[in-house]
Each structure stands twice: as structure tokens, then as C-alpha cells.
C-alpha atoms as a PDB file:
ATOM      1  CA  MET A   1     -20.534  10.372 -32.735  1.00  0.00           C
ATOM      2  CA  ALA A   2     -18.725  13.350 -32.206  1.00  0.00           C
ATOM      3  CA  ARG A   3     -19.953  13.659 -28.703  1.00  0.00           C
ATOM      4  CA  LEU A   4     -18.875  10.230 -27.957  1.00  0.00           C
ATOM      5  CA  VAL A   5     -15.396  10.949 -29.143  1.00  0.00           C
ATOM      6  CA  GLN A   6     -15.195  14.168 -27.079  1.00  0.00           C
ATOM      7  CA  SER A   7     -16.371  12.340 -23.918  1.00  0.00           C
ATOM      8  CA  VAL A   8     -13.844   9.740 -24.456  1.00  0.00           C
ATOM      9  CA  THR A   9     -11.316  12.050 -25.010  1.00  0.00           C
ATOM     10  CA  ARG A  10     -12.321  14.251 -21.790  1.00  0.00           C
ATOM     11  CA  LEU A  11     -12.198  10.691 -19.814  1.00  0.00           C
ATOM     12  CA  LYS A  12      -8.582   9.780 -21.107  1.00  0.00           C
ATOM     13  CA  LYS A  13      -7.539  13.196 -20.007  1.00  0.00           C
ATOM     14  CA  TRP A  14      -9.167  12.764 -16.677  1.00  0.00           C
ATOM     15  CA  SER A  15      -7.700   9.553 -16.082  1.00  0.00           C
ATOM     16  CA  GLN A  16      -4.114  10.644 -17.143  1.00  0.00           C
ATOM     17  CA  SER A  17      -4.218  13.573 -14.652  1.00  0.00           C
ATOM     18  CA  LEU A  18      -5.355  11.217 -12.018  1.00  0.00           C
ATOM     19  CA  LEU A  19      -2.546   8.975 -12.545  1.00  0.00           C
ATOM     20  CA  ALA A  20      -0.176  11.515 -12.881  1.00  0.00           C
ATOM     21  CA  ARG A  21      -0.397  12.406  -9.312  1.00  0.00           C
ATOM     22  CA  ILE A  22      -0.292   8.870  -7.957  1.00  0.00           C
ATOM     23  CA  VAL A  23       3.218   7.663  -6.957  1.00  0.00           C
ATOM     24  CA  ASP A  24       4.971   4.371  -6.045  1.00  0.00           C
ATOM     25  CA  LEU A  25       6.153   4.534  -2.483  1.00  0.00           C
ATOM     26  CA  GLY A  26       8.996   2.331  -3.354  1.00  0.00           C
ATOM     27  CA  TYR A  27      10.090  -0.515  -0.856  1.00  0.00           C
ATOM     28  CA  ILE A  28      12.645  -2.217   1.295  1.00  0.00           C
ATOM     29  CA  GLY A  29      13.626  -5.895   0.907  1.00  0.00           C
ATOM     30  CA  PRO A  30      13.518  -8.289  -2.063  1.00  0.00           C
ATOM     31  CA  SER A  31      12.813  -6.555  -5.504  1.00  0.00           C
ATOM     32  CA  PHE A  32      10.219  -8.841  -6.136  1.00  0.00           C
ATOM     33  CA  THR A  33       6.718  -9.746  -4.541  1.00  0.00           C
ATOM     34  CA  TRP A  34       5.836 -12.734  -6.426  1.00  0.00           C
ATOM     35  CA  GLN A  35       7.561 -16.089  -7.135  1.00  0.00           C
ATOM     36  CA  ARG A  36       6.687 -19.056  -8.805  1.00  0.00           C
ATOM     37  CA  GLY A  37       9.776 -21.423  -9.395  1.00  0.00           C
ATOM     38  CA  ASN A  38      12.481 -19.625 -10.799  1.00  0.00           C
ATOM     39  CA  THR A  39      10.149 -16.619 -11.966  1.00  0.00           C
ATOM     40  CA  VAL A  40      10.086 -13.655  -9.994  1.00  0.00           C
ATOM     41  CA  GLU A  41       8.089 -10.487 -10.462  1.00  0.00           C
ATOM     42  CA  ARG A  42       6.768  -7.161  -8.606  1.00  0.00           C
ATOM     43  CA  LEU A  43       3.260  -7.655  -9.073  1.00  0.00           C
ATOM     44  CA  ASP A  44       2.298  -5.821  -5.818  1.00  0.00           C
ATOM     45  CA  ARG A  45       2.909  -2.156  -4.793  1.00  0.00           C
ATOM     46  CA  VAL A  46       1.913   0.655  -2.607  1.00  0.00           C
ATOM     47  CA  LEU A  47       0.658   3.738  -4.464  1.00  0.00           C
ATOM     48  CA  ALA A  48      -0.309   6.910  -3.023  1.00  0.00           C
ATOM     49  CA  ASN A  49      -1.347  10.539  -4.097  1.00  0.00           C
ATOM     50  CA  ASP A  50       0.193  13.882  -3.188  1.00  0.00           C
ATOM     51  CA  ALA A  51      -2.238  14.402  -0.264  1.00  0.00           C
ATOM     52  CA  TRP A  52      -1.375  10.924   1.361  1.00  0.00           C
ATOM     53  CA  VAL A  53       2.288  11.564   0.948  1.00  0.00           C
ATOM     54  CA  SER A  54       1.948  15.083   2.604  1.00  0.00           C
ATOM     55  CA  ASP A  55       0.113  13.488   5.395  1.00  0.00           C
ATOM     56  CA  TYR A  56       2.634  10.690   5.994  1.00  0.00           C
ATOM     57  CA  PRO A  57       5.964  11.822   4.648  1.00  0.00           C
ATOM     58  CA  HIS A  58       7.820   9.148   6.536  1.00  0.00           C
ATOM     59  CA  SER A  59       6.107   6.039   5.376  1.00  0.00           C
ATOM     60  CA  LEU A  60       8.067   3.012   4.499  1.00  0.00           C
ATOM     61  CA  VAL A  61       7.017  -0.231   2.542  1.00  0.00           C
ATOM     62  CA  TYR A  62       8.285  -3.466   3.486  1.00  0.00           C
ATOM     63  CA  HIS A  63       8.316  -6.683   1.332  1.00  0.00           C
ATOM     64  CA  LEU A  64       8.150  -9.515   4.116  1.00  0.00           C
ATOM     65  CA  PRO A  65       9.100 -12.964   3.542  1.00  0.00           C
ATOM     66  CA  ARG A  66       6.588 -15.364   1.952  1.00  0.00           C
ATOM     67  CA  ILE A  67       4.665 -17.915   4.185  1.00  0.00           C
ATOM     68  CA  LYS A  68       2.446 -20.508   2.369  1.00  0.00           C
ATOM     69  CA  SER A  69       1.859 -18.499  -0.881  1.00  0.00           C
ATOM     70  CA  ASP A  70       3.412 -17.235  -3.741  1.00  0.00           C
ATOM     71  CA  HIS A  71       2.894 -13.649  -2.893  1.00  0.00           C
ATOM     72  CA  MET A  72       5.106 -11.852  -0.136  1.00  0.00           C
ATOM     73  CA  PRO A  73       3.130  -9.667   2.195  1.00  0.00           C
ATOM     74  CA  ILE A  74       3.488  -6.044   2.131  1.00  0.00           C
ATOM     75  CA  LEU A  75       3.832  -4.091   5.395  1.00  0.00           C
ATOM     76  CA  LEU A  76       3.175  -0.246   5.236  1.00  0.00           C
ATOM     77  CA  LYS A  77       4.446   1.664   8.295  1.00  0.00           C
ATOM     78  CA  THR A  78       3.207   5.136   8.437  1.00  0.00           C
ATOM     79  CA  ASN A  79       5.480   6.320  11.204  1.00  0.00           C
ATOM     80  CA  PRO A  80       8.336   4.080  11.266  1.00  0.00           C
ATOM     81  CA  GLU A  81       9.710   5.704  14.341  1.00  0.00           C
ATOM     82  CA  PHE A  82       6.830   5.204  16.588  1.00  0.00           C
ATOM     83  CA  ARG A  83       7.491   2.109  18.920  1.00  0.00           C
ATOM     84  CA  VAL A  84       4.759   0.640  20.937  1.00  0.00           C
ATOM     85  CA  PRO A  85       5.549   0.759  24.757  1.00  0.00           C
ATOM     86  CA  ARG A  86       6.189  -2.653  26.113  1.00  0.00           C
ATOM     87  CA  GLY A  87       5.079  -3.109  29.426  1.00  0.00           C
ATOM     88  CA  ARG A  88       2.367  -4.888  31.189  1.00  0.00           C
ATOM     89  CA  PRO A  89       0.108  -6.763  28.650  1.00  0.00           C
ATOM     90  CA  PHE A  90      -3.310  -5.815  27.715  1.00  0.00           C
ATOM     91  CA  ARG A  91      -6.033  -7.804  29.526  1.00  0.00           C
ATOM     92  CA  PHE A  92      -9.628  -7.546  28.297  1.00  0.00           C
ATOM     93  CA  LEU A  93     -12.189  -7.988  31.128  1.00  0.00           C
ATOM     94  CA  ALA A  94     -15.647  -9.213  30.391  1.00  0.00           C
ATOM     95  CA  GLY A  95     -17.227  -6.518  32.259  1.00  0.00           C
ATOM     96  CA  TRP A  96     -16.451  -3.977  29.624  1.00  0.00           C
ATOM     97  CA  THR A  97     -19.136  -5.212  27.561  1.00  0.00           C
ATOM     98  CA  SER A  98     -22.750  -4.866  27.949  1.00  0.00           C
ATOM     99  CA  THR A  99     -25.142  -7.884  27.076  1.00  0.00           C
END
């Protein structure tokens, strides 16, 4: 029985240390992500660890408008300054594939 208690204790310490290194990235937009009637809650969120935050320091999370759902979609931009060049539209050529 003592071994089981030790194992459970070690598991709890490990999970607490893991959770301590995870942060909520916050959001831009409404303060909730779920709505039913007059009830609103923030159920959905973006979480990241230290390494991820270090790799993507300029990340932004957006709560987008609901469309046919009680949940709002979430958009994560890892590089908000990056803009896709607008020019000639992409065209797929059938010859690029092999059969």
C-alpha cells in the first residue's frame, strides 16, 4: 500500500509541475466562447508551454463570431505581422499530379 501512495504522490507532483509550465495565451474579442440563451462562458482557450511561447512570442488569439453553433471559433495567429501577398490567384495545373 505504501508503494501505491508513493506512486500517486509522485504522479500528482509531476502533473502539478507540468501544469505550472502551461499558460493561457489570453484572447482578443468577446470574453466568452460559448453561449446558450442568456448564459455565456469562456469554455475554450489556447494553452501553451514555455517552449511554445518562446518559439512564437508574438502569438495572438482571437474569439471570432459564432456561426451556426453555440461555440465561437478561435483563431490563433503565430505571426500577426505576416501578410499573404495579394497578387495573381493560385492556379492548380492537372499536369502537376501523376497518375
